């Protein structure tokens, strides 16, 4: 299964996200990544090689200020994303783990009508 498309972030580093959080990832076909980090928009590049996903640093972001809870969640997401992760996609759920098997991020695939 492909990572291309839009994903709603549900867990960051083993912790759930705020209810109705706007955190989203969108993987494009040309190795481009963008989305909503919880408050600000972000953008960057990625590369997929079999079951490994590398999100390249640095990620660019807009610079709006939000409520503290969303700012904290955004900081966790922007810290978790960069780097090389193991990737699994099962039943529309994308899971990124580190080399020790610890969950880095979990997201649900969005249908075009869900966005």
C-alpha atoms as a PDB file:
ATOM      1  CA  UNK A   1       0.000   0.000   0.000  1.00  0.00           C
ATOM      2  CA  UNK A   2       1.118   3.521  -0.749  1.00  0.00           C
ATOM      3  CA  UNK A   3       1.653   6.390   1.691  1.00  0.00           C
ATOM      4  CA  UNK A   4       0.499   8.840  -0.976  1.00  0.00           C
ATOM      5  CA  UNK A   5      -2.563  10.748   0.138  1.00  0.00           C
ATOM      6  CA  UNK A   6      -3.809  12.445   3.281  1.00  0.00           C
ATOM      7  CA  UNK A   7      -3.599  11.016   6.802  1.00  0.00           C
ATOM      8  CA  UNK A   8      -5.190  12.213  10.076  1.00  0.00           C
ATOM      9  CA  UNK A   9      -2.654  12.024  12.918  1.00  0.00           C
ATOM     10  CA  UNK A  10      -4.026  10.028  15.871  1.00  0.00           C
ATOM     11  CA  UNK A  11      -0.979   9.319  18.066  1.00  0.00           C
ATOM     12  CA  UNK A  12       2.395  11.023  18.406  1.00  0.00           C
ATOM     13  CA  UNK A  13       5.135   9.180  20.291  1.00  0.00           C
ATOM     14  CA  UNK A  14       2.574   6.870  21.927  1.00  0.00           C
ATOM     15  CA  UNK A  15       0.313   9.718  23.104  1.00  0.00           C
ATOM     16  CA  UNK A  16      -3.089  10.484  21.622  1.00  0.00           C
ATOM     17  CA  UNK A  17      -3.816  13.804  19.994  1.00  0.00           C
ATOM     18  CA  UNK A  18      -6.324  16.422  21.134  1.00  0.00           C
ATOM     19  CA  UNK A  19      -9.923  15.618  20.135  1.00  0.00           C
ATOM     20  CA  UNK A  20     -10.800  17.039  16.712  1.00  0.00           C
ATOM     21  CA  UNK A  21      -7.156  17.955  16.191  1.00  0.00           C
ATOM     22  CA  UNK A  22      -6.349  19.436  12.776  1.00  0.00           C
ATOM     23  CA  UNK A  23      -3.034  17.487  12.613  1.00  0.00           C
ATOM     24  CA  UNK A  24      -2.734  16.029   9.105  1.00  0.00           C
ATOM     25  CA  UNK A  25      -0.030  14.665   6.816  1.00  0.00           C
ATOM     26  CA  UNK A  26      -0.200  14.712   3.029  1.00  0.00           C
ATOM     27  CA  UNK A  27       2.334  12.650   1.085  1.00  0.00           C
ATOM     28  CA  UNK A  28       2.621  13.682  -2.568  1.00  0.00           C
ATOM     29  CA  UNK A  29       3.814  11.599  -5.494  1.00  0.00           C
ATOM     30  CA  UNK A  30       6.981  13.633  -6.038  1.00  0.00           C
ATOM     31  CA  UNK A  31       8.480  13.032  -2.572  1.00  0.00           C
ATOM     32  CA  UNK A  32       6.820  16.129  -1.148  1.00  0.00           C
ATOM     33  CA  UNK A  33       5.232  16.171   2.294  1.00  0.00           C
ATOM     34  CA  UNK A  34       2.988  18.861   3.752  1.00  0.00           C
ATOM     35  CA  UNK A  35       0.180  19.204   6.225  1.00  0.00           C
ATOM     36  CA  UNK A  36      -1.039  20.772   9.415  1.00  0.00           C
ATOM     37  CA  UNK A  37       1.196  20.254  12.452  1.00  0.00           C
ATOM     38  CA  UNK A  38      -1.727  21.121  14.817  1.00  0.00           C
ATOM     39  CA  UNK A  39      -1.588  24.893  14.467  1.00  0.00           C
ATOM     40  CA  UNK A  40       0.830  25.745  11.662  1.00  0.00           C
ATOM     41  CA  UNK A  41       1.216  24.392   8.156  1.00  0.00           C
ATOM     42  CA  UNK A  42       4.424  22.485   7.436  1.00  0.00           C
ATOM     43  CA  UNK A  43       6.216  21.232   4.336  1.00  0.00           C
ATOM     44  CA  UNK A  44       9.237  19.164   3.428  1.00  0.00           C
ATOM     45  CA  UNK A  45      10.537  16.167   1.527  1.00  0.00           C
ATOM     46  CA  UNK A  46      10.365  12.431   2.077  1.00  0.00           C
ATOM     47  CA  UNK A  47      11.692   9.249   0.525  1.00  0.00           C
ATOM     48  CA  UNK A  48      10.228   5.759   0.785  1.00  0.00           C
ATOM     49  CA  UNK A  49      12.360   2.676   0.303  1.00  0.00           C
ATOM     50  CA  UNK A  50      10.376  -0.564   0.795  1.00  0.00           C
ATOM     51  CA  UNK A  51       9.390  -0.572   4.495  1.00  0.00           C
ATOM     52  CA  UNK A  52      11.432   2.512   5.434  1.00  0.00           C
ATOM     53  CA  UNK A  53      10.342   6.132   5.271  1.00  0.00           C
ATOM     54  CA  UNK A  54      12.803   8.995   5.575  1.00  0.00           C
ATOM     55  CA  UNK A  55      11.452  12.457   6.304  1.00  0.00           C
ATOM     56  CA  UNK A  56      14.193  14.926   5.549  1.00  0.00           C
ATOM     57  CA  UNK A  57      15.216  17.849   7.726  1.00  0.00           C
ATOM     58  CA  UNK A  58      14.576  20.671   7.943  1.00  0.00           C
ATOM     59  CA  UNK A  59      10.797  20.892   7.770  1.00  0.00           C
ATOM     60  CA  UNK A  60       9.498  24.360   6.949  1.00  0.00           C
ATOM     61  CA  UNK A  61       6.574  25.813   8.910  1.00  0.00           C
ATOM     62  CA  UNK A  62       4.390  28.855   9.114  1.00  0.00           C
ATOM     63  CA  UNK A  63       4.666  30.749  12.424  1.00  0.00           C
ATOM     64  CA  UNK A  64       1.229  31.336  13.926  1.00  0.00           C
ATOM     65  CA  UNK A  65       0.633  31.179  17.654  1.00  0.00           C
ATOM     66  CA  UNK A  66      -2.067  28.866  19.004  1.00  0.00           C
ATOM     67  CA  UNK A  67      -3.364  27.756  22.356  1.00  0.00           C
ATOM     68  CA  UNK A  68      -0.704  26.084  24.539  1.00  0.00           C
ATOM     69  CA  UNK A  69      -2.100  22.541  24.173  1.00  0.00           C
ATOM     70  CA  UNK A  70      -1.941  22.707  20.358  1.00  0.00           C
ATOM     71  CA  UNK A  71       1.512  24.318  20.492  1.00  0.00           C
ATOM     72  CA  UNK A  72       2.770  21.416  22.644  1.00  0.00           C
ATOM     73  CA  UNK A  73       1.217  18.819  20.340  1.00  0.00           C
ATOM     74  CA  UNK A  74       2.699  20.562  17.310  1.00  0.00           C
ATOM     75  CA  UNK A  75       6.167  20.555  18.875  1.00  0.00           C
ATOM     76  CA  UNK A  76       5.868  16.796  19.511  1.00  0.00           C
ATOM     77  CA  UNK A  77       4.822  16.174  15.900  1.00  0.00           C
ATOM     78  CA  UNK A  78       7.574  18.307  14.377  1.00  0.00           C
ATOM     79  CA  UNK A  79      10.130  16.550  16.598  1.00  0.00           C
ATOM     80  CA  UNK A  80       8.809  13.052  15.788  1.00  0.00           C
ATOM     81  CA  UNK A  81       8.551  13.373  12.001  1.00  0.00           C
ATOM     82  CA  UNK A  82      12.136  13.950  10.783  1.00  0.00           C
ATOM     83  CA  UNK A  83      14.371  10.917  10.418  1.00  0.00           C
ATOM     84  CA  UNK A  84      14.130   7.384   9.114  1.00  0.00           C
ATOM     85  CA  UNK A  85      11.259   5.236  10.330  1.00  0.00           C
ATOM     86  CA  UNK A  86       9.976   1.725   9.802  1.00  0.00           C
ATOM     87  CA  UNK A  87       6.599   1.898   8.113  1.00  0.00           C
ATOM     88  CA  UNK A  88       3.546  -0.340   8.285  1.00  0.00           C
ATOM     89  CA  UNK A  89       0.158   0.246   6.698  1.00  0.00           C
ATOM     90  CA  UNK A  90      -2.667  -2.033   7.786  1.00  0.00           C
ATOM     91  CA  UNK A  91      -6.407  -1.488   7.345  1.00  0.00           C
ATOM     92  CA  UNK A  92      -5.897   2.184   6.468  1.00  0.00           C
ATOM     93  CA  UNK A  93      -3.655   2.879   9.484  1.00  0.00           C
ATOM     94  CA  UNK A  94      -0.128   4.179   8.940  1.00  0.00           C
ATOM     95  CA  UNK A  95       2.302   3.376  11.758  1.00  0.00           C
ATOM     96  CA  UNK A  96       5.859   4.697  11.958  1.00  0.00           C
ATOM     97  CA  UNK A  97       8.245   3.052  14.409  1.00  0.00           C
ATOM     98  CA  UNK A  98      11.889   3.512  15.316  1.00  0.00           C
ATOM     99  CA  UNK A  99      14.477   0.743  15.031  1.00  0.00           C
ATOM    100  CA  UNK A 100      13.676  -0.521  18.541  1.00  0.00           C
ATOM    101  CA  UNK A 101       9.990  -0.937  17.562  1.00  0.00           C
ATOM    102  CA  UNK A 102       8.763   2.058  19.567  1.00  0.00           C
ATOM    103  CA  UNK A 103       5.822   3.829  17.941  1.00  0.00           C
ATOM    104  CA  UNK A 104       6.701   7.275  16.609  1.00  0.00           C
ATOM    105  CA  UNK A 105       3.426   8.144  14.885  1.00  0.00           C
ATOM    106  CA  UNK A 106       0.071   6.617  13.955  1.00  0.00           C
ATOM    107  CA  UNK A 107      -2.342   8.098  11.419  1.00  0.00           C
ATOM    108  CA  UNK A 108      -5.558   7.070   9.692  1.00  0.00           C
ATOM    109  CA  UNK A 109      -5.927   7.419   5.946  1.00  0.00           C
ATOM    110  CA  UNK A 110      -8.559   9.923   4.895  1.00  0.00           C
ATOM    111  CA  UNK A 111     -10.891   9.336   2.008  1.00  0.00           C
ATOM    112  CA  UNK A 112     -11.239  12.330  -0.326  1.00  0.00           C
ATOM    113  CA  UNK A 113     -14.672  13.042   1.187  1.00  0.00           C
ATOM    114  CA  UNK A 114     -13.205  13.159   4.754  1.00  0.00           C
ATOM    115  CA  UNK A 115     -11.037  16.217   4.145  1.00  0.00           C
END
